[in-house]
Amino acid sequence: MNKTDLIEAVASQMESTKSDATKAVEAVIGSITSGLKTDEKVAITGFGTFQRKIRAARTGMNPATKQPIQIPETTTCAFKPSQNLKDTL
């Protein structure tokens, strides 16, 4: 399922237009994003938890030259599903 499919599913369940569903999906995604920026963690009961993670700096290898390179520290996002979601799947 991609974003377009999600919007269509939300519109169908809400019995509303795709425009309204698009606004709803965008609002949810925007809220999760801003929550991760400020709180580092967003928990949705019955669904799961989004959490900001820091991936440490490490030494990698350039595949073209086989030379070692330094890969800088990066920030990423992790998702841990709730037990309800795991049971549903």
N, C-alpha and C. Protein backbone atom coordinates (compact mmCIF):
# COMPACT_ATOMS: atom_id res chain seq x y z
N MET A 1 0.86 -1.17 0.00
CA MET A 1 0.00 0.00 0.00
C MET A 1 0.90 1.23 0.00
N ASN A 2 0.66 2.13 -0.92
CA ASN A 2 1.40 3.38 -0.95
C ASN A 2 0.51 4.51 -0.45
N LYS A 3 1.00 5.75 -0.50
CA LYS A 3 0.26 6.88 0.04
C LYS A 3 -1.07 7.09 -0.68
N THR A 4 -1.08 6.93 -1.99
CA THR A 4 -2.32 7.09 -2.75
C THR A 4 -3.36 6.06 -2.35
N ASP A 5 -2.92 4.81 -2.18
CA ASP A 5 -3.83 3.75 -1.73
C ASP A 5 -4.36 4.05 -0.34
N LEU A 6 -3.50 4.57 0.53
CA LEU A 6 -3.92 4.92 1.89
C LEU A 6 -4.97 6.02 1.86
N ILE A 7 -4.76 7.01 1.03
CA ILE A 7 -5.73 8.11 0.92
C ILE A 7 -7.08 7.58 0.43
N GLU A 8 -7.07 6.70 -0.56
CA GLU A 8 -8.31 6.12 -1.06
C GLU A 8 -9.01 5.30 0.01
N ALA A 9 -8.25 4.54 0.81
CA ALA A 9 -8.83 3.74 1.88
C ALA A 9 -9.44 4.63 2.96
N VAL A 10 -8.75 5.71 3.30
CA VAL A 10 -9.28 6.64 4.31
C VAL A 10 -10.53 7.32 3.79
N ALA A 11 -10.54 7.72 2.54
CA ALA A 11 -11.73 8.36 1.96
C ALA A 11 -12.90 7.41 1.97
N SER A 12 -12.66 6.15 1.69
CA SER A 12 -13.72 5.15 1.68
C SER A 12 -14.27 4.93 3.09
N GLN A 13 -13.38 4.82 4.08
CA GLN A 13 -13.83 4.58 5.45
C GLN A 13 -14.52 5.79 6.05
N MET A 14 -14.08 6.99 5.67
CA MET A 14 -14.70 8.21 6.19
C MET A 14 -15.94 8.60 5.40
N GLU A 15 -16.16 7.93 4.27
CA GLU A 15 -17.24 8.28 3.35
C GLU A 15 -17.17 9.77 3.01
N SER A 16 -15.96 10.19 2.60
CA SER A 16 -15.75 11.58 2.23
C SER A 16 -14.95 11.64 0.93
N THR A 17 -14.61 12.84 0.54
CA THR A 17 -13.88 13.02 -0.70
C THR A 17 -12.39 12.71 -0.52
N LYS A 18 -11.72 12.48 -1.64
CA LYS A 18 -10.28 12.23 -1.59
C LYS A 18 -9.54 13.46 -1.08
N SER A 19 -10.08 14.63 -1.36
CA SER A 19 -9.46 15.87 -0.90
C SER A 19 -9.44 15.93 0.62
N ASP A 20 -10.56 15.59 1.25
CA ASP A 20 -10.62 15.58 2.71
C ASP A 20 -9.71 14.50 3.29
N ALA A 21 -9.68 13.35 2.65
CA ALA A 21 -8.83 12.25 3.11
C ALA A 21 -7.36 12.62 2.97
N THR A 22 -7.01 13.31 1.89
CA THR A 22 -5.64 13.75 1.69
C THR A 22 -5.22 14.70 2.80
N LYS A 23 -6.09 15.63 3.16
CA LYS A 23 -5.80 16.56 4.25
C LYS A 23 -5.60 15.80 5.56
N ALA A 24 -6.42 14.79 5.81
CA ALA A 24 -6.32 14.01 7.04
C ALA A 24 -5.01 13.23 7.09
N VAL A 25 -4.67 12.56 6.01
CA VAL A 25 -3.43 11.77 5.96
C VAL A 25 -2.22 12.69 6.09
N GLU A 26 -2.23 13.81 5.39
CA GLU A 26 -1.12 14.77 5.48
C GLU A 26 -0.99 15.31 6.90
N ALA A 27 -2.12 15.57 7.57
CA ALA A 27 -2.09 16.08 8.94
C ALA A 27 -1.47 15.06 9.89
N VAL A 28 -1.83 13.79 9.73
CA VAL A 28 -1.27 12.74 10.58
C VAL A 28 0.23 12.61 10.35
N ILE A 29 0.64 12.56 9.10
CA ILE A 29 2.07 12.43 8.78
C ILE A 29 2.84 13.64 9.29
N GLY A 30 2.29 14.82 9.10
CA GLY A 30 2.94 16.04 9.59
C GLY A 30 3.06 16.07 11.11
N SER A 31 2.03 15.60 11.79
CA SER A 31 2.06 15.57 13.25
C SER A 31 3.09 14.58 13.77
N ILE A 32 3.19 13.42 13.14
CA ILE A 32 4.19 12.44 13.54
C ILE A 32 5.59 13.00 13.31
N THR A 33 5.80 13.64 12.17
CA THR A 33 7.10 14.21 11.85
C THR A 33 7.50 15.29 12.85
N SER A 34 6.59 16.21 13.14
CA SER A 34 6.93 17.27 14.09
C SER A 34 7.09 16.72 15.50
N GLY A 35 6.34 15.67 15.84
CA GLY A 35 6.51 15.04 17.14
C GLY A 35 7.88 14.40 17.28
N LEU A 36 8.36 13.78 16.21
CA LEU A 36 9.69 13.18 16.24
C LEU A 36 10.78 14.24 16.36
N LYS A 37 10.56 15.39 15.73
CA LYS A 37 11.55 16.46 15.80
C LYS A 37 11.66 17.03 17.20
N THR A 38 10.53 17.17 17.90
CA THR A 38 10.54 17.83 19.20
C THR A 38 10.64 16.85 20.37
N ASP A 39 9.92 15.75 20.33
CA ASP A 39 9.85 14.85 21.48
C ASP A 39 10.70 13.60 21.34
N GLU A 40 11.19 13.33 20.16
CA GLU A 40 11.99 12.15 19.84
C GLU A 40 11.19 10.85 19.86
N LYS A 41 9.92 10.89 20.25
CA LYS A 41 9.13 9.67 20.34
C LYS A 41 7.64 10.00 20.16
N VAL A 42 6.95 9.19 19.34
CA VAL A 42 5.52 9.35 19.13
C VAL A 42 4.88 7.97 19.33
N ALA A 43 4.03 7.86 20.36
CA ALA A 43 3.38 6.59 20.67
C ALA A 43 1.91 6.68 20.29
N ILE A 44 1.45 5.72 19.50
CA ILE A 44 0.05 5.64 19.10
C ILE A 44 -0.49 4.34 19.68
N THR A 45 -1.33 4.47 20.69
CA THR A 45 -1.86 3.30 21.39
C THR A 45 -2.57 2.37 20.43
N GLY A 46 -2.25 1.09 20.51
CA GLY A 46 -2.86 0.09 19.65
C GLY A 46 -2.21 -0.05 18.29
N PHE A 47 -1.26 0.84 17.98
CA PHE A 47 -0.58 0.77 16.68
C PHE A 47 0.92 0.56 16.85
N GLY A 48 1.58 1.48 17.55
CA GLY A 48 3.01 1.33 17.76
C GLY A 48 3.67 2.63 18.13
N THR A 49 5.00 2.61 18.16
CA THR A 49 5.78 3.77 18.58
C THR A 49 6.82 4.10 17.51
N PHE A 50 6.85 5.36 17.11
CA PHE A 50 7.89 5.89 16.24
C PHE A 50 8.91 6.54 17.15
N GLN A 51 10.20 6.26 16.93
CA GLN A 51 11.22 6.83 17.79
C GLN A 51 12.42 7.25 16.96
N ARG A 52 12.97 8.40 17.32
CA ARG A 52 14.15 8.91 16.65
C ARG A 52 15.36 8.16 17.19
N LYS A 53 16.22 7.68 16.29
CA LYS A 53 17.41 6.93 16.67
C LYS A 53 18.63 7.59 16.04
N ILE A 54 19.74 7.50 16.74
CA ILE A 54 20.99 8.03 16.22
C ILE A 54 21.88 6.84 15.84
N ARG A 55 22.28 6.81 14.60
CA ARG A 55 23.18 5.77 14.09
C ARG A 55 24.59 6.31 14.23
N ALA A 56 25.42 5.62 14.98
CA ALA A 56 26.78 6.08 15.28
C ALA A 56 27.64 6.16 14.03
N ALA A 57 28.66 7.00 14.11
CA ALA A 57 29.63 7.10 13.01
C ALA A 57 30.40 5.78 12.92
N ARG A 58 30.79 5.43 11.72
CA ARG A 58 31.48 4.16 11.54
C ARG A 58 32.39 4.23 10.31
N THR A 59 33.24 3.24 10.19
CA THR A 59 34.12 3.14 9.04
C THR A 59 33.49 2.19 8.03
N GLY A 60 33.37 2.66 6.79
CA GLY A 60 32.82 1.84 5.72
C GLY A 60 33.87 1.65 4.64
N MET A 61 33.42 1.13 3.49
CA MET A 61 34.35 0.90 2.40
C MET A 61 33.73 1.41 1.10
N ASN A 62 34.49 2.17 0.35
CA ASN A 62 34.06 2.63 -0.96
C ASN A 62 34.09 1.41 -1.89
N PRO A 63 32.94 0.98 -2.43
CA PRO A 63 32.93 -0.23 -3.25
C PRO A 63 33.71 -0.10 -4.56
N ALA A 64 33.88 1.12 -5.05
CA ALA A 64 34.60 1.30 -6.31
C ALA A 64 36.12 1.21 -6.12
N THR A 65 36.62 1.82 -5.03
CA THR A 65 38.06 1.87 -4.83
C THR A 65 38.56 0.93 -3.73
N LYS A 66 37.64 0.37 -2.97
CA LYS A 66 37.97 -0.52 -1.83
C LYS A 66 38.72 0.22 -0.73
N GLN A 67 38.68 1.53 -0.74
CA GLN A 67 39.34 2.32 0.28
C GLN A 67 38.39 2.55 1.46
N PRO A 68 38.90 2.56 2.69
CA PRO A 68 38.04 2.85 3.84
C PRO A 68 37.60 4.31 3.84
N ILE A 69 36.37 4.54 4.24
CA ILE A 69 35.84 5.90 4.34
C ILE A 69 35.12 6.03 5.68
N GLN A 70 35.04 7.25 6.17
CA GLN A 70 34.31 7.52 7.40
C GLN A 70 32.87 7.86 7.05
N ILE A 71 31.93 7.14 7.65
CA ILE A 71 30.51 7.42 7.48
C ILE A 71 30.08 8.20 8.71
N PRO A 72 29.54 9.41 8.54
CA PRO A 72 29.21 10.24 9.70
C PRO A 72 27.99 9.72 10.46
N GLU A 73 27.84 10.22 11.67
CA GLU A 73 26.67 9.91 12.49
C GLU A 73 25.42 10.45 11.80
N THR A 74 24.34 9.67 11.80
CA THR A 74 23.09 10.11 11.18
C THR A 74 21.92 9.85 12.13
N THR A 75 20.87 10.61 11.92
CA THR A 75 19.64 10.43 12.68
C THR A 75 18.62 9.76 11.78
N THR A 76 17.95 8.74 12.31
CA THR A 76 16.96 8.00 11.55
C THR A 76 15.73 7.76 12.41
N CYS A 77 14.76 7.08 11.86
CA CYS A 77 13.51 6.81 12.57
C CYS A 77 13.31 5.30 12.66
N ALA A 78 12.84 4.85 13.80
CA ALA A 78 12.53 3.43 13.99
C ALA A 78 11.06 3.30 14.38
N PHE A 79 10.47 2.17 14.03
CA PHE A 79 9.08 1.91 14.40
C PHE A 79 9.01 0.58 15.13
N LYS A 80 8.35 0.59 16.28
CA LYS A 80 8.15 -0.64 17.04
C LYS A 80 6.64 -0.87 17.13
N PRO A 81 6.13 -1.94 16.53
CA PRO A 81 4.69 -2.18 16.55
C PRO A 81 4.21 -2.57 17.95
N SER A 82 2.96 -2.21 18.24
CA SER A 82 2.37 -2.58 19.53
C SER A 82 1.99 -4.06 19.52
N GLN A 83 1.71 -4.59 20.68
CA GLN A 83 1.32 -5.98 20.76
C GLN A 83 0.00 -6.23 20.03
N ASN A 84 -0.92 -5.25 20.08
CA ASN A 84 -2.21 -5.37 19.35
C ASN A 84 -1.96 -5.52 17.85
N LEU A 85 -1.06 -4.72 17.30
CA LEU A 85 -0.76 -4.82 15.88
C LEU A 85 -0.10 -6.14 15.54
N LYS A 86 0.81 -6.59 16.39
CA LYS A 86 1.45 -7.88 16.17
C LYS A 86 0.43 -9.02 16.19
N ASP A 87 -0.51 -8.96 17.13
CA ASP A 87 -1.55 -9.99 17.22
C ASP A 87 -2.46 -9.99 15.99
N THR A 88 -2.73 -8.80 15.46
CA THR A 88 -3.58 -8.68 14.28
C THR A 88 -2.92 -9.28 13.05
N LEU A 89 -1.61 -9.10 12.96
CA LEU A 89 -0.88 -9.62 11.81
C LEU A 89 -0.65 -11.09 11.95
